[in-house]
Amino acid sequence: MRRLYTAILLLAVAVAMAQAAARYTITVVPGEHGTVVSDVTQAEAGTVVTITVTPDADYELGALLVEERVTTGNLDDDDAWEPARAPRRAAVATTDAGGGVFTFVMPAVGVKVSAIFLHVPFEVECVYGEHSAPVATPGQARPGETVTLTAPEVEGYTFSHYVALFGDTEIAVEDGQFVMPDGPVTVEAVYVPRSYHVLAQVSSRGTVTAEAAMMPTGETVVLTVMPNEGFVVNEVTVERVKVVDGELDDDDDAWEPARVPARAQSVVAVTCHDWCTYSFVMPPSHVRVTATFTAGPITGVDDALTDLPAEQARYNVNGQRVGRDYRGVVIEGGRKRLNRP
């Protein structure tokens, strides 16, 4: 009986010594765009293993994976990973020690170590064009990733298209998206002026005519103001107006106040060039042009002024343009003057 107990004890000691001496294989999978190195190729269970990760230039570590390689028995020294032989894998926790160094505690099974390296992201620079700058999401992207662009609303202008450049090469942008190339990209949003209506109010004392019924934002609009006989121009005003019951169609040149009542918002600066020609810069809205006339025949020399400046355009009482040597009553800047011989 004593011999039996002794045999059992010796067997238990032998098994414990065998288990304590068991070493498990650490298989490192070669990385693409970087290297992964283990300080040991085999280790006992409970041993701390150190892994050093070194990305190639312009790359960075995306993820470090340590996975158990479980088979029906201990893993052979064969580096080949055969999923059919190893149907179960469990992740092993790692600790980031900094500087590309990681550690993990060796389990009682072989492990596979692999790393995913990613190219460092490149900047997407959104430049401010003539009116605004687009917004890129994300602001940095890796090669092959999709970047989404958004063009802000700009008053008086309509977004047209994006211009994305990789160096001197233009990148295709479709539906506000492009694929990030192997380098930084600059993006600009292009806008075109939006056209608005010019409403010339009707008067029984004269006429106001705009060169066009619709004009783009930022363009100069020329007005011709002609008083009827017996009247002179008193004042020309241009007001920005807000459409109350909906936008006019762009192809509808007729302004119908009954259909589209308007409400004045602000006054636009008007420049007088001569007695019948005025101009203003089209704002980002519809406008209403109004001219007021006062009684005052332009014939005769009543209240005529002298000392006519030579640099301004002048007209006779018949509305004909005359030169500097013309003598008699002339009209300049909407006022009568007497140019003496």
Protein backbone atom coordinates (compact mmCIF):
# COMPACT_ATOMS: atom_id res chain seq x y z
CA MET A 1 0.00 0.00 0.00
CA ARG A 2 2.83 2.34 0.82
CA ARG A 3 4.37 1.64 -2.54
CA LEU A 4 1.09 2.58 -4.28
CA TYR A 5 0.92 5.95 -2.49
CA THR A 6 4.54 6.61 -3.36
CA ALA A 7 3.91 5.86 -7.03
CA ILE A 8 0.89 8.16 -7.15
CA LEU A 9 2.85 10.95 -5.49
CA LEU A 10 5.75 10.59 -7.90
CA LEU A 11 3.34 10.63 -10.85
CA ALA A 12 1.65 13.81 -9.63
CA VAL A 13 5.03 15.50 -9.20
CA ALA A 14 6.08 14.45 -12.66
CA VAL A 15 2.89 15.82 -14.22
CA ALA A 16 3.26 19.10 -12.36
CA MET A 17 6.89 19.40 -13.45
CA ALA A 18 5.89 18.64 -17.05
CA GLN A 19 3.17 21.26 -17.00
CA ALA A 20 5.45 23.83 -15.42
CA ALA A 21 8.07 23.20 -18.07
CA ALA A 22 5.59 23.42 -21.00
CA ARG A 23 6.49 26.18 -23.47
CA TYR A 24 4.05 27.51 -26.05
CA THR A 25 4.84 28.87 -29.50
CA ILE A 26 4.53 32.56 -30.44
CA THR A 27 3.95 32.91 -34.20
CA VAL A 28 4.54 36.39 -35.64
CA VAL A 29 2.82 37.08 -38.97
CA PRO A 30 4.95 39.32 -41.21
CA GLY A 31 3.36 42.76 -41.52
CA GLU A 32 2.80 44.87 -44.63
CA HIS A 33 4.19 48.43 -44.32
CA GLY A 34 5.87 47.66 -41.00
CA THR A 35 7.59 45.07 -38.81
CA VAL A 36 6.48 43.11 -35.74
CA VAL A 37 9.12 41.49 -33.49
CA SER A 38 8.65 39.30 -30.38
CA ASP A 39 11.41 39.09 -27.78
CA VAL A 40 10.91 35.30 -27.60
CA THR A 41 9.56 32.60 -29.92
CA GLN A 42 8.29 30.38 -27.13
CA ALA A 43 7.21 31.08 -23.56
CA GLU A 44 5.76 29.34 -20.53
CA ALA A 45 2.22 30.17 -19.43
CA GLY A 46 2.17 33.31 -17.27
CA THR A 47 5.35 34.73 -18.81
CA VAL A 48 5.26 38.38 -19.93
CA VAL A 49 6.06 38.59 -23.65
CA THR A 50 7.23 41.85 -25.25
CA ILE A 51 6.26 42.81 -28.81
CA THR A 52 7.95 45.70 -30.67
CA VAL A 53 6.07 47.29 -33.58
CA THR A 54 7.85 49.54 -36.12
CA PRO A 55 5.75 51.12 -38.94
CA ASP A 56 7.39 52.04 -42.24
CA ALA A 57 7.80 55.70 -43.18
CA ASP A 58 4.44 57.48 -43.67
CA TYR A 59 2.60 54.64 -41.92
CA GLU A 60 1.27 54.12 -38.42
CA LEU A 61 -0.04 51.22 -36.38
CA GLY A 62 -3.74 50.65 -36.86
CA ALA A 63 -4.14 47.59 -34.62
CA LEU A 64 -2.05 44.92 -32.89
CA LEU A 65 -3.72 41.50 -32.66
CA VAL A 66 -2.65 38.66 -30.34
CA GLU A 67 -4.86 35.59 -30.73
CA GLU A 68 -4.81 32.17 -29.13
CA ARG A 69 -4.08 29.28 -31.47
CA VAL A 70 -6.14 26.44 -30.03
CA THR A 71 -5.97 22.93 -31.49
CA THR A 72 -6.76 19.49 -30.16
CA GLY A 73 -3.35 19.52 -28.51
CA ASN A 74 -0.33 21.77 -28.17
CA LEU A 75 0.60 23.70 -31.30
CA ASP A 76 3.28 22.30 -33.57
CA ASP A 77 6.25 24.50 -34.41
CA ASP A 78 4.78 24.87 -37.90
CA ASP A 79 4.18 28.58 -38.57
CA ALA A 80 1.23 27.86 -40.86
CA TRP A 81 -2.09 28.89 -39.42
CA GLU A 82 -4.75 26.40 -40.44
CA PRO A 83 -8.28 27.46 -39.48
CA ALA A 84 -9.50 23.90 -40.11
CA ARG A 85 -7.04 22.65 -37.48
CA ALA A 86 -7.65 25.58 -35.16
CA PRO A 87 -11.35 26.33 -35.21
CA ARG A 88 -11.31 28.41 -32.03
CA ARG A 89 -9.42 31.66 -31.46
CA ALA A 90 -9.59 33.99 -28.50
CA ALA A 91 -8.07 37.48 -28.26
CA VAL A 92 -5.28 37.99 -25.75
CA ALA A 93 -5.21 41.35 -23.96
CA THR A 94 -2.18 43.55 -24.67
CA THR A 95 -0.72 46.50 -22.80
CA ASP A 96 0.69 49.54 -24.62
CA ALA A 97 4.01 50.38 -22.99
CA GLY A 98 4.62 53.32 -25.33
CA GLY A 99 7.12 53.88 -28.12
CA GLY A 100 5.77 51.00 -30.20
CA VAL A 101 6.30 48.45 -27.38
CA PHE A 102 3.46 46.18 -26.24
CA THR A 103 3.29 43.34 -23.72
CA PHE A 104 0.95 40.44 -22.99
CA VAL A 105 0.83 37.52 -20.57
CA MET A 106 1.40 34.20 -22.31
CA PRO A 107 -1.61 31.89 -22.03
CA ALA A 108 -1.34 28.11 -21.79
CA VAL A 109 -1.63 27.81 -25.55
CA GLY A 110 0.23 29.03 -28.61
CA VAL A 111 -0.55 32.50 -29.97
CA LYS A 112 -0.49 34.33 -33.29
CA VAL A 113 0.70 37.97 -33.36
CA SER A 114 -0.16 40.27 -36.29
CA ALA A 115 -0.38 44.00 -36.94
CA ILE A 116 -2.37 46.23 -39.27
CA PHE A 117 -0.51 49.28 -40.56
CA LEU A 118 -2.31 52.28 -42.05
CA HIS A 119 -0.99 55.14 -44.14
CA VAL A 120 -0.92 58.39 -42.19
CA PRO A 121 -3.92 60.59 -43.14
CA PHE A 122 -3.51 63.53 -45.51
CA GLU A 123 -5.05 66.98 -45.13
CA VAL A 124 -8.09 68.08 -47.09
CA GLU A 125 -7.59 71.85 -47.36
CA CYS A 126 -10.81 73.74 -48.08
CA VAL A 127 -9.76 77.05 -49.63
CA TYR A 128 -11.92 80.16 -49.53
CA GLY A 129 -12.88 81.02 -53.09
CA GLU A 130 -14.58 84.17 -54.31
CA HIS A 131 -17.60 83.70 -52.06
CA SER A 132 -17.13 80.88 -49.52
CA ALA A 133 -15.18 77.76 -48.58
CA PRO A 134 -16.59 74.21 -48.63
CA VAL A 135 -16.60 71.89 -45.63
CA ALA A 136 -14.87 68.49 -45.88
CA THR A 137 -15.84 65.47 -43.78
CA PRO A 138 -13.45 64.20 -42.59
CA GLY A 139 -10.84 66.97 -42.66
CA GLN A 140 -8.08 64.35 -42.90
CA ALA A 141 -8.31 61.08 -44.80
CA ARG A 142 -6.17 58.08 -45.71
CA PRO A 143 -5.64 56.99 -49.32
CA GLY A 144 -8.72 55.19 -50.59
CA GLU A 145 -11.08 56.69 -48.03
CA THR A 146 -14.15 58.66 -49.16
CA VAL A 147 -14.38 62.37 -48.37
CA THR A 148 -17.74 64.17 -48.39
CA LEU A 149 -17.97 67.88 -49.30
CA THR A 150 -20.63 70.42 -48.35
CA ALA A 151 -21.04 73.84 -49.99
CA PRO A 152 -22.53 76.56 -47.74
CA GLU A 153 -25.40 78.71 -48.94
CA VAL A 154 -24.27 82.12 -50.25
CA GLU A 155 -26.80 84.92 -50.63
CA GLY A 156 -27.27 85.93 -54.24
CA TYR A 157 -25.27 83.02 -55.64
CA THR A 158 -25.94 79.43 -56.66
CA PHE A 159 -23.47 76.62 -56.03
CA SER A 160 -22.06 75.29 -59.32
CA HIS A 161 -19.37 72.66 -58.69
CA TYR A 162 -16.27 71.69 -56.72
CA VAL A 163 -12.67 71.87 -57.89
CA ALA A 164 -10.49 69.29 -56.06
CA LEU A 165 -6.77 69.23 -56.83
CA PHE A 166 -4.12 66.66 -55.94
CA GLY A 167 -1.05 68.68 -56.85
CA ASP A 168 -1.80 69.84 -60.39
CA THR A 169 -4.18 66.96 -61.08
CA GLU A 170 -7.91 67.51 -60.79
CA ILE A 171 -9.80 64.80 -58.91
CA ALA A 172 -13.28 63.72 -59.92
CA VAL A 173 -15.98 64.79 -57.44
CA GLU A 174 -19.29 62.98 -57.84
CA ASP A 175 -22.35 63.76 -55.74
CA GLY A 176 -20.16 65.81 -53.41
CA GLN A 177 -17.70 62.98 -52.73
CA PHE A 178 -14.21 61.96 -53.86
CA VAL A 179 -11.73 59.20 -53.05
CA MET A 180 -8.61 60.36 -51.22
CA PRO A 181 -5.44 59.96 -53.29
CA ASP A 182 -1.89 59.37 -52.00
CA GLY A 183 -1.38 62.95 -50.88
CA PRO A 184 -3.04 66.16 -49.65
CA VAL A 185 -5.94 67.70 -51.58
CA THR A 186 -7.19 71.27 -51.94
CA VAL A 187 -10.89 71.87 -52.57
CA GLU A 188 -12.73 74.99 -53.72
CA ALA A 189 -16.46 75.57 -54.18
CA VAL A 190 -17.46 77.49 -57.31
CA TYR A 191 -20.58 79.66 -57.30
CA VAL A 192 -22.39 81.52 -60.08
CA PRO A 193 -24.43 84.72 -59.66
CA ARG A 194 -28.15 84.26 -59.24
CA SER A 195 -30.35 86.49 -61.41
CA TYR A 196 -33.15 88.63 -59.97
CA HIS A 197 -35.96 90.73 -61.39
CA VAL A 198 -35.80 94.48 -61.97
CA LEU A 199 -39.23 96.05 -61.52
CA ALA A 200 -39.58 99.50 -63.09
CA GLN A 201 -42.53 101.34 -61.60
CA VAL A 202 -44.85 103.11 -64.06
CA SER A 203 -45.37 106.88 -63.87
CA SER A 204 -47.62 109.23 -65.81
CA ARG A 205 -44.89 111.89 -65.83
CA GLY A 206 -42.10 109.89 -67.42
CA THR A 207 -40.61 106.47 -68.06
CA VAL A 208 -37.94 104.33 -66.39
CA THR A 209 -36.37 101.60 -68.50
CA ALA A 210 -33.87 99.00 -67.28
CA GLU A 211 -31.45 97.42 -69.75
CA ALA A 212 -32.79 93.99 -68.78
CA ALA A 213 -35.73 92.59 -66.84
CA MET A 214 -33.43 90.26 -64.92
CA MET A 215 -29.80 90.79 -63.89
CA PRO A 216 -27.24 88.66 -62.02
CA THR A 217 -26.01 89.63 -58.58
CA GLY A 218 -23.04 92.01 -58.71
CA GLU A 219 -23.69 93.24 -62.27
CA THR A 220 -24.17 96.93 -63.09
CA VAL A 221 -27.69 97.78 -64.20
CA VAL A 222 -28.14 100.82 -66.47
CA LEU A 223 -31.38 102.79 -66.24
CA THR A 224 -32.74 105.25 -68.76
CA VAL A 225 -35.06 107.83 -67.18
CA MET A 226 -37.00 110.01 -69.61
CA PRO A 227 -39.38 112.72 -68.32
CA ASN A 228 -42.46 113.56 -70.33
CA GLU A 229 -42.78 117.00 -71.84
CA GLY A 230 -43.18 119.59 -69.13
CA PHE A 231 -41.44 117.54 -66.44
CA VAL A 232 -37.92 116.99 -65.18
CA VAL A 233 -36.38 114.17 -63.15
CA ASN A 234 -36.59 114.77 -59.44
CA GLU A 235 -35.21 111.55 -57.91
CA VAL A 236 -34.44 107.95 -58.86
CA THR A 237 -34.54 105.30 -56.13
CA VAL A 238 -33.84 101.56 -56.16
CA GLU A 239 -35.15 99.35 -53.35
CA ARG A 240 -34.47 95.73 -52.56
CA VAL A 241 -37.77 93.90 -52.34
CA LYS A 242 -38.84 90.64 -50.78
CA VAL A 243 -41.28 88.42 -52.63
CA VAL A 244 -44.21 87.69 -50.36
CA ASP A 245 -46.02 84.78 -51.98
CA GLY A 246 -43.24 82.89 -53.74
CA GLU A 247 -40.28 83.22 -56.10
CA LEU A 248 -40.78 84.26 -59.69
CA ASP A 249 -39.78 81.80 -62.38
CA ASP A 250 -36.42 82.65 -63.90
CA ASP A 251 -37.90 82.56 -67.38
CA ASP A 252 -40.73 84.93 -66.52
CA ASP A 253 -39.60 88.39 -67.59
CA ALA A 254 -42.91 90.02 -66.70
CA TRP A 255 -43.27 91.36 -63.19
CA GLU A 256 -46.85 91.04 -62.06
CA PRO A 257 -47.39 92.96 -58.80
CA ALA A 258 -50.87 91.51 -58.44
CA ARG A 259 -49.45 87.99 -58.56
CA VAL A 260 -46.23 88.71 -56.67
CA PRO A 261 -46.64 91.55 -54.19
CA ALA A 262 -43.29 92.84 -52.97
CA ARG A 263 -42.13 94.46 -49.75
CA ALA A 264 -39.20 96.90 -49.62
CA GLN A 265 -36.21 95.82 -47.50
CA SER A 266 -33.44 98.35 -48.10
CA VAL A 267 -32.35 101.13 -50.44
CA VAL A 268 -29.66 100.53 -53.07
CA ALA A 269 -27.16 103.26 -54.01
CA VAL A 270 -27.84 104.85 -57.40
CA THR A 271 -25.28 106.71 -59.55
CA CYS A 272 -26.34 109.54 -61.88
CA HIS A 273 -24.28 109.72 -65.07
CA ASP A 274 -26.19 112.42 -66.95
CA TRP A 275 -29.67 113.88 -67.13
CA CYS A 276 -31.29 110.60 -68.26
CA THR A 277 -28.79 107.83 -67.44
CA TYR A 278 -28.45 106.17 -64.02
CA SER A 279 -26.97 102.93 -62.77
CA PHE A 280 -26.75 100.67 -59.72
CA VAL A 281 -25.11 97.38 -58.75
CA MET A 282 -27.59 94.50 -58.63
CA PRO A 283 -27.98 93.23 -55.05
CA PRO A 284 -28.81 89.60 -54.15
CA SER A 285 -32.57 90.20 -54.38
CA HIS A 286 -35.32 91.52 -56.61
CA VAL A 287 -35.41 95.33 -56.88
CA ARG A 288 -38.00 97.99 -57.55
CA VAL A 289 -36.95 101.12 -59.47
CA THR A 290 -38.93 104.30 -58.92
CA ALA A 291 -38.48 107.72 -60.56
CA THR A 292 -40.26 110.85 -59.43
CA PHE A 293 -40.75 113.80 -61.74
CA THR A 294 -41.60 117.43 -61.04
CA ALA A 295 -43.21 119.99 -63.28
CA GLY A 296 -40.62 122.18 -64.94
CA PRO A 297 -40.30 122.60 -68.69
CA ILE A 298 -36.80 122.24 -69.98
CA THR A 299 -37.22 125.04 -72.53
CA GLY A 300 -36.23 128.64 -71.86
CA VAL A 301 -33.46 130.00 -69.72
CA ASP A 302 -35.28 130.47 -66.41
CA ASP A 303 -32.96 129.76 -63.50
CA ALA A 304 -30.22 128.61 -65.90
CA LEU A 305 -26.76 128.24 -64.38
CA THR A 306 -23.41 129.27 -65.78
CA ASP A 307 -19.85 128.00 -65.30
CA LEU A 308 -20.53 124.67 -66.96
CA PRO A 309 -17.90 122.02 -66.07
CA ALA A 310 -16.21 120.71 -69.20
CA GLU A 311 -15.91 117.06 -68.17
CA GLN A 312 -19.62 116.15 -67.93
CA ALA A 313 -21.95 115.04 -70.74
CA ARG A 314 -24.45 117.68 -71.80
CA TYR A 315 -27.62 117.87 -73.87
CA ASN A 316 -29.65 120.59 -75.53
CA VAL A 317 -33.31 121.23 -74.75
CA ASN A 318 -34.29 118.70 -77.44
CA GLY A 319 -32.44 115.90 -75.66
CA GLN A 320 -29.58 115.82 -78.17
CA ARG A 321 -26.06 115.40 -76.87
CA VAL A 322 -23.87 118.43 -77.60
CA GLY A 323 -20.18 119.22 -77.34
CA ARG A 324 -18.20 121.66 -75.24
CA ASP A 325 -18.44 124.40 -77.85
CA TYR A 326 -22.25 124.38 -77.88
CA ARG A 327 -23.69 127.72 -76.84
CA GLY A 328 -27.08 128.18 -75.28
CA VAL A 329 -29.20 126.28 -72.80
CA VAL A 330 -27.86 122.83 -72.01
CA ILE A 331 -28.91 120.14 -69.53
CA GLU A 332 -26.33 118.44 -67.41
CA GLY A 333 -26.87 116.08 -64.49
CA GLY A 334 -30.60 116.84 -64.64
CA ARG A 335 -30.10 120.61 -64.28
CA LYS A 336 -30.38 123.45 -66.78
CA ARG A 337 -27.30 125.57 -67.43
CA LEU A 338 -26.51 128.43 -69.75
CA ASN A 339 -23.31 127.98 -71.67
CA ARG A 340 -22.44 131.48 -72.79
CA PRO A 341 -20.41 132.28 -75.90
